[in-house]
C-alpha atoms as a PDB file:
ATOM      1  CA  MET A   1     -19.896  12.782  34.990  1.00  0.00           C
ATOM      2  CA  THR A   2     -17.201  14.841  33.312  1.00  0.00           C
ATOM      3  CA  ARG A   3     -16.366  18.235  34.666  1.00  0.00           C
ATOM      4  CA  PHE A   4     -16.407  19.895  31.217  1.00  0.00           C
ATOM      5  CA  ASP A   5     -19.109  19.754  28.551  1.00  0.00           C
ATOM      6  CA  LEU A   6     -18.071  22.535  26.142  1.00  0.00           C
ATOM      7  CA  VAL A   7     -14.850  23.294  24.274  1.00  0.00           C
ATOM      8  CA  ILE A   8     -14.595  26.742  22.676  1.00  0.00           C
ATOM      9  CA  PHE A   9     -12.098  27.065  19.832  1.00  0.00           C
ATOM     10  CA  ASP A  10     -10.465  30.140  18.362  1.00  0.00           C
ATOM     11  CA  CYS A  11     -10.333  29.960  14.562  1.00  0.00           C
ATOM     12  CA  ASP A  12      -7.132  31.366  13.038  1.00  0.00           C
ATOM     13  CA  GLY A  13      -4.100  29.472  14.267  1.00  0.00           C
ATOM     14  CA  VAL A  14      -6.148  26.807  16.078  1.00  0.00           C
ATOM     15  CA  LEU A  15      -8.554  25.447  13.440  1.00  0.00           C
ATOM     16  CA  ILE A  16      -7.112  26.860  10.245  1.00  0.00           C
ATOM     17  CA  ASP A  17      -3.435  27.498   9.581  1.00  0.00           C
ATOM     18  CA  SER A  18      -4.059  30.973   8.230  1.00  0.00           C
ATOM     19  CA  GLU A  19      -1.167  32.835   9.834  1.00  0.00           C
ATOM     20  CA  PRO A  20       1.216  32.390   6.850  1.00  0.00           C
ATOM     21  CA  LEU A  21      -1.510  33.533   4.441  1.00  0.00           C
ATOM     22  CA  GLY A  22      -2.288  36.562   6.585  1.00  0.00           C
ATOM     23  CA  ALA A  23       1.380  37.529   6.711  1.00  0.00           C
ATOM     24  CA  ARG A  24       1.674  37.146   2.942  1.00  0.00           C
ATOM     25  CA  ALA A  25      -1.400  39.295   2.292  1.00  0.00           C
ATOM     26  CA  LEU A  26      -0.216  42.011   4.660  1.00  0.00           C
ATOM     27  CA  ALA A  27       3.296  41.985   3.214  1.00  0.00           C
ATOM     28  CA  GLU A  28       1.918  42.378  -0.314  1.00  0.00           C
ATOM     29  CA  ALA A  29      -0.359  45.232   0.788  1.00  0.00           C
ATOM     30  CA  VAL A  30       2.487  47.062   2.508  1.00  0.00           C
ATOM     31  CA  SER A  31       4.792  46.470  -0.459  1.00  0.00           C
ATOM     32  CA  ALA A  32       2.159  47.950  -2.775  1.00  0.00           C
ATOM     33  CA  THR A  33       2.573  51.292  -0.966  1.00  0.00           C
ATOM     34  CA  GLY A  34       6.240  51.436  -1.974  1.00  0.00           C
ATOM     35  CA  HIS A  35       7.623  49.953   1.272  1.00  0.00           C
ATOM     36  CA  PRO A  36       8.963  46.493   0.304  1.00  0.00           C
ATOM     37  CA  MET A  37       8.154  43.834   2.887  1.00  0.00           C
ATOM     38  CA  THR A  38       8.484  40.061   2.820  1.00  0.00           C
ATOM     39  CA  ALA A  39       6.032  37.638   4.416  1.00  0.00           C
ATOM     40  CA  LYS A  40       8.728  36.747   6.957  1.00  0.00           C
ATOM     41  CA  GLN A  41       9.118  40.390   7.906  1.00  0.00           C
ATOM     42  CA  ALA A  42       5.347  40.738   8.194  1.00  0.00           C
ATOM     43  CA  GLU A  43       5.286  37.808  10.617  1.00  0.00           C
ATOM     44  CA  GLN A  44       7.990  39.456  12.705  1.00  0.00           C
ATOM     45  CA  HIS A  45       6.219  42.829  12.714  1.00  0.00           C
ATOM     46  CA  PHE A  46       2.589  41.816  13.129  1.00  0.00           C
ATOM     47  CA  SER A  47       2.248  38.216  14.367  1.00  0.00           C
ATOM     48  CA  GLY A  48       0.059  38.010  17.477  1.00  0.00           C
ATOM     49  CA  SER A  49      -1.011  41.653  17.249  1.00  0.00           C
ATOM     50  CA  GLY A  50      -4.613  42.797  17.401  1.00  0.00           C
ATOM     51  CA  GLN A  51      -6.137  45.086  14.811  1.00  0.00           C
ATOM     52  CA  ASP A  52      -5.484  48.197  16.909  1.00  0.00           C
ATOM     53  CA  GLN A  53      -1.831  47.243  17.337  1.00  0.00           C
ATOM     54  CA  ILE A  54      -1.440  46.559  13.611  1.00  0.00           C
ATOM     55  CA  ARG A  55      -2.997  49.932  12.835  1.00  0.00           C
ATOM     56  CA  ALA A  56      -0.558  51.618  15.200  1.00  0.00           C
ATOM     57  CA  ILE A  57       2.433  49.861  13.609  1.00  0.00           C
ATOM     58  CA  LEU A  58       1.309  50.791  10.095  1.00  0.00           C
ATOM     59  CA  THR A  59       0.687  54.382  11.133  1.00  0.00           C
ATOM     60  CA  GLY A  60       4.149  54.462  12.735  1.00  0.00           C
ATOM     61  CA  MET A  61       5.553  53.401   9.361  1.00  0.00           C
ATOM     62  CA  GLY A  62       3.932  56.473   7.833  1.00  0.00           C
ATOM     63  CA  LEU A  63       1.252  54.436   6.025  1.00  0.00           C
ATOM     64  CA  ASN A  64      -2.499  54.852   5.714  1.00  0.00           C
ATOM     65  CA  ALA A  65      -3.522  51.977   7.996  1.00  0.00           C
ATOM     66  CA  ASP A  66      -7.118  51.763   6.772  1.00  0.00           C
ATOM     67  CA  ARG A  67      -6.028  51.587   3.135  1.00  0.00           C
ATOM     68  CA  VAL A  68      -3.382  48.935   3.813  1.00  0.00           C
ATOM     69  CA  LEU A  69      -5.726  46.774   5.896  1.00  0.00           C
ATOM     70  CA  THR A  70      -8.486  46.997   3.301  1.00  0.00           C
ATOM     71  CA  ASP A  71      -6.041  45.922   0.602  1.00  0.00           C
ATOM     72  CA  ALA A  72      -4.658  43.129   2.800  1.00  0.00           C
ATOM     73  CA  GLY A  73      -8.171  41.873   3.508  1.00  0.00           C
ATOM     74  CA  ARG A  74      -8.953  41.751  -0.212  1.00  0.00           C
ATOM     75  CA  ARG A  75      -5.722  39.864  -0.930  1.00  0.00           C
ATOM     76  CA  LEU A  76      -6.406  37.404   1.891  1.00  0.00           C
ATOM     77  CA  SER A  77      -9.898  36.728   0.562  1.00  0.00           C
ATOM     78  CA  ASP A  78      -8.356  35.898  -2.815  1.00  0.00           C
ATOM     79  CA  LEU A  79      -5.906  33.521  -1.144  1.00  0.00           C
ATOM     80  CA  PHE A  80      -8.739  31.772   0.697  1.00  0.00           C
ATOM     81  CA  THR A  81     -10.451  31.045  -2.625  1.00  0.00           C
ATOM     82  CA  GLU A  82      -7.356  29.014  -3.575  1.00  0.00           C
ATOM     83  CA  GLU A  83      -6.873  27.146  -0.293  1.00  0.00           C
ATOM     84  CA  VAL A  84      -7.813  27.225   3.381  1.00  0.00           C
ATOM     85  CA  PRO A  85      -5.159  25.095   5.101  1.00  0.00           C
ATOM     86  CA  LEU A  86      -6.275  23.263   8.239  1.00  0.00           C
ATOM     87  CA  ILE A  87      -4.195  22.793  11.355  1.00  0.00           C
ATOM     88  CA  PRO A  88      -2.881  19.224  10.944  1.00  0.00           C
ATOM     89  CA  GLY A  89      -5.030  16.727  12.833  1.00  0.00           C
ATOM     90  CA  ILE A  90      -7.743  19.180  13.878  1.00  0.00           C
ATOM     91  CA  GLU A  91     -10.546  17.659  11.785  1.00  0.00           C
ATOM     92  CA  GLN A  92     -10.094  14.222  13.377  1.00  0.00           C
ATOM     93  CA  LEU A  93      -9.790  15.745  16.851  1.00  0.00           C
ATOM     94  CA  LEU A  94     -13.086  17.599  16.459  1.00  0.00           C
ATOM     95  CA  SER A  95     -14.804  14.511  15.051  1.00  0.00           C
ATOM     96  CA  ASP A  96     -13.654  12.373  17.967  1.00  0.00           C
ATOM     97  CA  LEU A  97     -14.280  14.884  20.755  1.00  0.00           C
ATOM     98  CA  ASP A  98     -17.016  13.789  23.160  1.00  0.00           C
ATOM     99  CA  ALA A  99     -18.232  17.290  23.983  1.00  0.00           C
ATOM    100  CA  ARG A 100     -20.118  20.154  22.463  1.00  0.00           C
ATOM    101  CA  ILE A 101     -17.970  22.570  20.494  1.00  0.00           C
ATOM    102  CA  CYS A 102     -18.208  26.119  19.186  1.00  0.00           C
ATOM    103  CA  VAL A 103     -16.007  28.804  17.646  1.00  0.00           C
ATOM    104  CA  ALA A 104     -15.163  32.171  19.213  1.00  0.00           C
ATOM    105  CA  SER A 105     -13.182  34.353  16.818  1.00  0.00           C
ATOM    106  CA  ASN A 106     -12.244  38.020  16.649  1.00  0.00           C
ATOM    107  CA  SER A 107     -12.608  37.728  12.871  1.00  0.00           C
ATOM    108  CA  GLY A 108     -15.689  39.213  11.259  1.00  0.00           C
ATOM    109  CA  VAL A 109     -18.649  37.153  10.077  1.00  0.00           C
ATOM    110  CA  ASN A 110     -17.715  37.529   6.399  1.00  0.00           C
ATOM    111  CA  ARG A 111     -14.080  36.594   7.050  1.00  0.00           C
ATOM    112  CA  LEU A 112     -15.194  33.439   8.901  1.00  0.00           C
ATOM    113  CA  ALA A 113     -17.478  32.506   6.012  1.00  0.00           C
ATOM    114  CA  GLU A 114     -14.628  32.994   3.530  1.00  0.00           C
ATOM    115  CA  SER A 115     -12.174  30.940   5.570  1.00  0.00           C
ATOM    116  CA  LEU A 116     -13.678  28.434   7.997  1.00  0.00           C
ATOM    117  CA  GLY A 117     -16.874  28.285   5.961  1.00  0.00           C
ATOM    118  CA  ARG A 118     -14.949  26.807   3.027  1.00  0.00           C
ATOM    119  CA  THR A 119     -13.655  23.878   5.068  1.00  0.00           C
ATOM    120  CA  PRO A 120     -15.228  20.612   6.247  1.00  0.00           C
ATOM    121  CA  LEU A 121     -14.782  21.877   9.813  1.00  0.00           C
ATOM    122  CA  SER A 122     -17.685  24.283   9.448  1.00  0.00           C
ATOM    123  CA  ALA A 123     -20.302  21.512   9.434  1.00  0.00           C
ATOM    124  CA  LEU A 124     -18.831  19.980  12.590  1.00  0.00           C
ATOM    125  CA  PHE A 125     -19.779  23.090  14.553  1.00  0.00           C
ATOM    126  CA  GLY A 126     -23.435  22.912  13.537  1.00  0.00           C
ATOM    127  CA  GLY A 127     -23.807  26.660  13.119  1.00  0.00           C
ATOM    128  CA  HIS A 128     -22.181  27.500  16.456  1.00  0.00           C
ATOM    129  CA  ILE A 129     -19.591  29.848  14.947  1.00  0.00           C
ATOM    130  CA  TYR A 130     -19.446  33.136  16.827  1.00  0.00           C
ATOM    131  CA  SER A 131     -17.672  36.320  15.814  1.00  0.00           C
ATOM    132  CA  ALA A 132     -16.632  39.447  17.684  1.00  0.00           C
ATOM    133  CA  GLU A 133     -19.297  41.145  15.566  1.00  0.00           C
ATOM    134  CA  HIS A 134     -21.904  39.312  17.654  1.00  0.00           C
ATOM    135  CA  VAL A 135     -20.878  41.133  20.843  1.00  0.00           C
ATOM    136  CA  SER A 136     -20.076  44.642  22.041  1.00  0.00           C
ATOM    137  CA  ASN A 137     -16.399  44.088  22.750  1.00  0.00           C
ATOM    138  CA  SER A 138     -13.879  41.743  21.092  1.00  0.00           C
ATOM    139  CA  LYS A 139     -11.229  39.698  22.904  1.00  0.00           C
ATOM    140  CA  PRO A 140      -9.641  40.204  25.402  1.00  0.00           C
ATOM    141  CA  ALA A 141     -12.952  41.414  26.864  1.00  0.00           C
ATOM    142  CA  PRO A 142     -15.029  38.488  28.214  1.00  0.00           C
ATOM    143  CA  ASP A 143     -18.020  39.243  25.958  1.00  0.00           C
ATOM    144  CA  LEU A 144     -17.362  36.603  23.298  1.00  0.00           C
ATOM    145  CA  ALA A 145     -16.744  33.782  25.777  1.00  0.00           C
ATOM    146  CA  LEU A 146     -19.868  34.758  27.716  1.00  0.00           C
ATOM    147  CA  HIS A 147     -21.839  34.829  24.462  1.00  0.00           C
ATOM    148  CA  CYS A 148     -20.699  31.274  23.715  1.00  0.00           C
ATOM    149  CA  LEU A 149     -21.725  30.096  27.174  1.00  0.00           C
ATOM    150  CA  ALA A 150     -25.165  31.638  26.805  1.00  0.00           C
ATOM    151  CA  ARG A 151     -25.755  30.248  23.318  1.00  0.00           C
ATOM    152  CA  MET A 152     -24.496  26.789  24.267  1.00  0.00           C
ATOM    153  CA  GLY A 153     -26.408  26.700  27.545  1.00  0.00           C
ATOM    154  CA  THR A 154     -23.598  25.991  29.957  1.00  0.00           C
ATOM    155  CA  THR A 155     -21.569  27.712  32.652  1.00  0.00           C
ATOM    156  CA  ALA A 156     -18.011  28.987  32.797  1.00  0.00           C
ATOM    157  CA  ASP A 157     -16.834  26.255  35.162  1.00  0.00           C
ATOM    158  CA  ARG A 158     -17.868  23.601  32.618  1.00  0.00           C
ATOM    159  CA  ALA A 159     -16.115  25.155  29.602  1.00  0.00           C
ATOM    160  CA  ILE A 160     -12.633  25.116  28.073  1.00  0.00           C
ATOM    161  CA  PHE A 161     -11.297  27.818  25.735  1.00  0.00           C
ATOM    162  CA  VAL A 162      -8.476  26.979  23.274  1.00  0.00           C
ATOM    163  CA  ASP A 163      -6.669  29.960  21.737  1.00  0.00           C
ATOM    164  CA  ASP A 164      -3.265  30.705  20.248  1.00  0.00           C
ATOM    165  CA  ASN A 165      -3.356  34.379  21.147  1.00  0.00           C
ATOM    166  CA  ILE A 166      -2.976  36.237  24.438  1.00  0.00           C
ATOM    167  CA  HIS A 167      -6.201  38.139  23.685  1.00  0.00           C
ATOM    168  CA  GLY A 168      -8.135  34.865  23.682  1.00  0.00           C
ATOM    169  CA  ILE A 169      -6.448  33.772  26.904  1.00  0.00           C
ATOM    170  CA  GLY A 170      -7.471  37.085  28.460  1.00  0.00           C
ATOM    171  CA  CYS A 171     -11.037  36.652  27.219  1.00  0.00           C
ATOM    172  CA  ALA A 172     -11.306  33.186  28.752  1.00  0.00           C
ATOM    173  CA  ARG A 173      -9.830  34.262  32.080  1.00  0.00           C
ATOM    174  CA  ALA A 174     -12.118  37.286  32.303  1.00  0.00           C
ATOM    175  CA  ALA A 175     -15.137  35.045  31.713  1.00  0.00           C
ATOM    176  CA  GLY A 176     -13.986  32.414  34.204  1.00  0.00           C
ATOM    177  CA  VAL A 177     -13.408  29.754  31.530  1.00  0.00           C
ATOM    178  CA  LEU A 178     -10.379  27.437  31.650  1.00  0.00           C
ATOM    179  CA  PRO A 179      -7.828  28.848  29.136  1.00  0.00           C
ATOM    180  CA  ILE A 180      -5.600  26.558  27.095  1.00  0.00           C
ATOM    181  CA  GLY A 181      -2.809  28.104  25.051  1.00  0.00           C
ATOM    182  CA  PHE A 182      -2.212  26.483  21.680  1.00  0.00           C
ATOM    183  CA  VAL A 183       1.066  26.679  19.747  1.00  0.00           C
ATOM    184  CA  GLY A 184       0.484  25.786  16.111  1.00  0.00           C
ATOM    185  CA  PRO A 185       2.842  24.366  13.487  1.00  0.00           C
ATOM    186  CA  SER A 186       3.398  27.717  11.778  1.00  0.00           C
ATOM    187  CA  GLU A 187       4.237  29.620  14.957  1.00  0.00           C
ATOM    188  CA  ALA A 188       7.514  31.433  14.319  1.00  0.00           C
ATOM    189  CA  ARG A 189       8.073  32.823  17.827  1.00  0.00           C
ATOM    190  CA  PRO A 190      10.088  30.371  19.943  1.00  0.00           C
ATOM    191  CA  GLU A 191       8.954  32.068  23.143  1.00  0.00           C
ATOM    192  CA  HIS A 192       5.252  32.026  22.298  1.00  0.00           C
ATOM    193  CA  GLY A 193       4.360  29.177  24.652  1.00  0.00           C
ATOM    194  CA  ALA A 194       5.909  31.077  27.547  1.00  0.00           C
ATOM    195  CA  THR A 195       4.045  34.210  26.446  1.00  0.00           C
ATOM    196  CA  LEU A 196       0.714  32.350  26.542  1.00  0.00           C
ATOM    197  CA  ARG A 197       1.477  30.951  29.968  1.00  0.00           C
ATOM    198  CA  ALA A 198       2.477  34.401  31.254  1.00  0.00           C
ATOM    199  CA  ALA A 199      -0.852  35.718  29.933  1.00  0.00           C
ATOM    200  CA  GLY A 200      -2.652  33.238  32.173  1.00  0.00           C
ATOM    201  CA  ALA A 201      -3.053  30.023  30.174  1.00  0.00           C
ATOM    202  CA  ALA A 202      -3.677  27.157  32.608  1.00  0.00           C
ATOM    203  CA  HIS A 203      -2.069  24.758  30.125  1.00  0.00           C
ATOM    204  CA  VAL A 204       0.000  25.241  26.962  1.00  0.00           C
ATOM    205  CA  VAL A 205       0.080  22.589  24.239  1.00  0.00           C
ATOM    206  CA  THR A 206       1.952  22.278  20.958  1.00  0.00           C
ATOM    207  CA  GLY A 207      -0.006  20.778  18.067  1.00  0.00           C
ATOM    208  CA  THR A 208      -3.161  18.695  18.008  1.00  0.00           C
ATOM    209  CA  ASP A 209      -1.629  15.527  19.460  1.00  0.00           C
ATOM    210  CA  ASP A 210      -0.800  17.390  22.663  1.00  0.00           C
ATOM    211  CA  LEU A 211      -4.194  19.098  22.624  1.00  0.00           C
ATOM    212  CA  ARG A 212      -6.017  15.799  22.213  1.00  0.00           C
ATOM    213  CA  ALA A 213      -4.131  14.246  25.138  1.00  0.00           C
ATOM    214  CA  LEU A 214      -4.875  17.220  27.385  1.00  0.00           C
ATOM    215  CA  LEU A 215      -8.570  17.356  26.494  1.00  0.00           C
ATOM    216  CA  CYS A 216      -8.918  13.621  27.108  1.00  0.00           C
ATOM    217  CA  ALA A 217      -7.323  14.040  30.539  1.00  0.00           C
ATOM    218  CA  LEU A 218      -9.458  17.051  31.454  1.00  0.00           C
ATOM    219  CA  MET A 219     -12.697  15.455  30.271  1.00  0.00           C
ATOM    220  CA  ARG A 220     -12.156  12.068  31.888  1.00  0.00           C
ATOM    221  CA  PRO A 221     -15.070  11.262  34.214  1.00  0.00           C
ATOM    222  CA  ALA A 222     -14.375  12.110  37.811  1.00  0.00           C
ATOM    223  CA  PRO A 223     -13.920   9.073  40.050  1.00  0.00           C
ATOM    224  CA  ALA A 224     -16.878   8.206  42.216  1.00  0.00           C
ATOM    225  CA  PRO A 225     -16.451   9.233  45.846  1.00  0.00           C
ATOM    226  CA  VAL A 226     -15.373   6.461  48.148  1.00  0.00           C
ATOM    227  CA  ALA A 227     -18.059   5.713  50.714  1.00  0.00           C
ATOM    228  CA  GLN A 228     -16.812   5.769  54.272  1.00  0.00           C
ATOM    229  CA  SER A 229     -18.015   3.040  56.551  1.00  0.00           C
ATOM    230  CA  LEU A 230     -19.913   4.113  59.652  1.00  0.00           C
ATOM    231  CA  GLN A 231     -18.050   3.530  62.851  1.00  0.00           C
ATOM    232  CA  THR A 232     -19.934   2.415  65.903  1.00  0.00           C
ATOM    233  CA  SER A 233     -18.769   2.880  69.403  1.00  0.00           C
END
């Protein structure tokens, strides 16, 4: 019997390689306010930040955060109609994985439908795609991980959570789920793996080949206990 029977996946940066598109959309929205910004600069300013942090940064720039984020969301939706790039190798990994799987994303339901819902990955999850909108508190609160456990009918000690963001690592830890930090191909921060480990990731992997190897090791059946012979006096 394997120790783990559920793998929970974050969406952006783990399943779909959306980080470059998000940076482009945000850069265009900021530039539209009269503050020129490149996609590279947007990555440097906003990569790995939650919505509240992004709002604070935009406000600190003297911008109307709500207006910029609304515009960026509209631009990102347009980009998703052109292409939703997958993390290389993730479709085959999911197809081969001998475990139940689900998605736990801080993205809204509509955003997940526009992005993940347009990919062949969506069908592999069989409807088990959960958003922060399904719970009271988004990552790093434990709510979303606990929601996944309840919907999938398993316990924290039998689940693995793969996320490329410290908020997801915090969510997994708070729920008692094994956290794996994932560093994707578009990650521009050379120290990001160390950041994930410092946040509490039990393991950090780079790319799907490393992730596959780790999951195979973790989900290998436990060896049967060796029976001890009875000693007689």
